[in-house]
């Protein structure tokens, strides 16, 4: 490895989602942080959530599973809560999606 490669900063990806909702702030925060509520809306219509668990605190983990209504393939998602300031701010870091029902990838 060259010295330039060793000092090159790692690529970072950031996605910021901002929405204005006509709903009480406490309720919006609750449906984002209560796994039972979030499971009802998490994922697109054709890939609904079948499992979701959350440890809502800085450093706490979240993970879930979406399942295709068309072919049954599953997509695992997860991450870490970085900031939790109820009911103002929720910052998470997501990990790479995991596909279930497929051979394990070797990296």
Protein backbone atom coordinates (compact mmCIF):
# COMPACT_ATOMS: atom_id res chain seq x y z
CA UNK A 1 0.00 0.00 0.00
CA UNK A 2 1.30 3.44 -0.88
CA UNK A 3 1.60 6.28 1.59
CA UNK A 4 -1.10 8.16 -0.35
CA UNK A 5 -3.51 5.23 -0.03
CA UNK A 6 -2.79 4.91 3.69
CA UNK A 7 -3.62 8.57 4.37
CA UNK A 8 -6.65 8.90 2.09
CA UNK A 9 -9.77 9.49 4.22
CA UNK A 10 -12.51 6.87 4.05
CA UNK A 11 -15.58 7.75 1.99
CA UNK A 12 -18.60 8.76 4.04
CA UNK A 13 -22.23 8.79 3.05
CA UNK A 14 -24.82 10.90 4.77
CA UNK A 15 -28.56 11.14 4.25
CA UNK A 16 -30.60 13.79 6.02
CA UNK A 17 -34.37 13.44 6.01
CA UNK A 18 -36.48 16.41 7.05
CA UNK A 19 -40.26 16.42 6.97
CA UNK A 20 -42.98 18.77 8.17
CA UNK A 21 -45.88 16.73 9.51
CA UNK A 22 -49.24 18.01 10.66
CA UNK A 23 -49.20 15.97 13.87
CA UNK A 24 -48.20 16.53 17.48
CA UNK A 25 -44.44 16.45 17.90
CA UNK A 26 -44.56 13.91 20.75
CA UNK A 27 -46.65 11.52 18.64
CA UNK A 28 -44.27 11.74 15.65
CA UNK A 29 -41.30 11.01 17.92
CA UNK A 30 -43.16 8.07 19.48
CA UNK A 31 -43.98 6.40 16.16
CA UNK A 32 -40.31 6.71 15.15
CA UNK A 33 -39.00 5.26 18.43
CA UNK A 34 -41.55 2.62 19.48
CA UNK A 35 -40.89 -0.58 17.50
CA UNK A 36 -44.57 -1.63 17.66
CA UNK A 37 -45.64 1.63 16.04
CA UNK A 38 -42.74 1.89 13.59
CA UNK A 39 -43.30 -1.66 12.36
CA UNK A 40 -46.72 -0.57 11.06
CA UNK A 41 -45.22 1.90 8.57
CA UNK A 42 -41.55 0.91 8.19
CA UNK A 43 -40.64 -0.09 4.66
CA UNK A 44 -42.45 0.33 1.35
CA UNK A 45 -45.88 -1.20 0.74
CA UNK A 46 -44.43 -4.18 -1.16
CA UNK A 47 -41.64 -4.76 1.42
CA UNK A 48 -43.37 -4.37 4.84
CA UNK A 49 -41.56 -4.84 8.14
CA UNK A 50 -41.91 -8.29 9.67
CA UNK A 51 -39.60 -7.63 12.64
CA UNK A 52 -38.32 -4.48 14.33
CA UNK A 53 -36.56 -3.96 17.64
CA UNK A 54 -35.05 -0.81 19.10
CA UNK A 55 -32.95 0.17 22.08
CA UNK A 56 -33.62 3.91 21.85
CA UNK A 57 -30.71 5.62 23.58
CA UNK A 58 -27.38 7.00 22.39
CA UNK A 59 -25.31 3.95 21.49
CA UNK A 60 -28.37 1.68 21.45
CA UNK A 61 -28.94 -0.57 18.46
CA UNK A 62 -31.93 -1.04 16.19
CA UNK A 63 -32.57 -3.83 13.72
CA UNK A 64 -35.39 -4.99 11.56
CA UNK A 65 -36.42 -7.21 8.71
CA UNK A 66 -38.48 -6.39 5.62
CA UNK A 67 -40.08 -9.11 3.47
CA UNK A 68 -41.08 -8.86 -0.19
CA UNK A 69 -44.77 -9.49 -0.75
CA UNK A 70 -43.88 -10.64 -4.28
CA UNK A 71 -41.18 -13.26 -3.74
CA UNK A 72 -40.67 -13.58 0.03
CA UNK A 73 -37.04 -12.40 -0.01
CA UNK A 74 -36.03 -10.70 3.20
CA UNK A 75 -33.88 -7.66 3.78
CA UNK A 76 -32.27 -7.12 7.16
CA UNK A 77 -31.54 -3.61 8.33
CA UNK A 78 -29.86 -2.28 11.42
CA UNK A 79 -27.94 0.50 12.97
CA UNK A 80 -27.08 2.53 16.04
CA UNK A 81 -28.81 5.49 17.64
CA UNK A 82 -26.26 8.33 17.80
CA UNK A 83 -28.45 11.10 19.27
CA UNK A 84 -31.79 10.86 21.05
CA UNK A 85 -33.36 14.10 22.27
CA UNK A 86 -37.08 13.54 22.75
CA UNK A 87 -39.10 14.87 21.05
CA UNK A 88 -36.69 17.05 19.04
CA UNK A 89 -33.96 15.03 17.40
CA UNK A 90 -33.24 11.44 16.42
CA UNK A 91 -29.96 10.57 14.70
CA UNK A 92 -29.17 7.03 13.60
CA UNK A 93 -26.34 5.40 11.72
CA UNK A 94 -27.36 2.53 9.48
CA UNK A 95 -25.34 -0.53 8.62
CA UNK A 96 -25.20 -2.30 5.27
CA UNK A 97 -28.46 -4.08 4.41
CA UNK A 98 -28.38 -7.86 4.76
CA UNK A 99 -30.28 -10.08 2.36
CA UNK A 100 -31.84 -13.20 3.85
CA UNK A 101 -32.82 -16.26 1.76
CA UNK A 102 -29.68 -15.76 -0.31
CA UNK A 103 -26.20 -17.31 -0.12
CA UNK A 104 -23.90 -15.54 2.31
CA UNK A 105 -21.54 -13.08 0.65
CA UNK A 106 -17.84 -13.41 1.38
CA UNK A 107 -15.99 -10.10 1.46
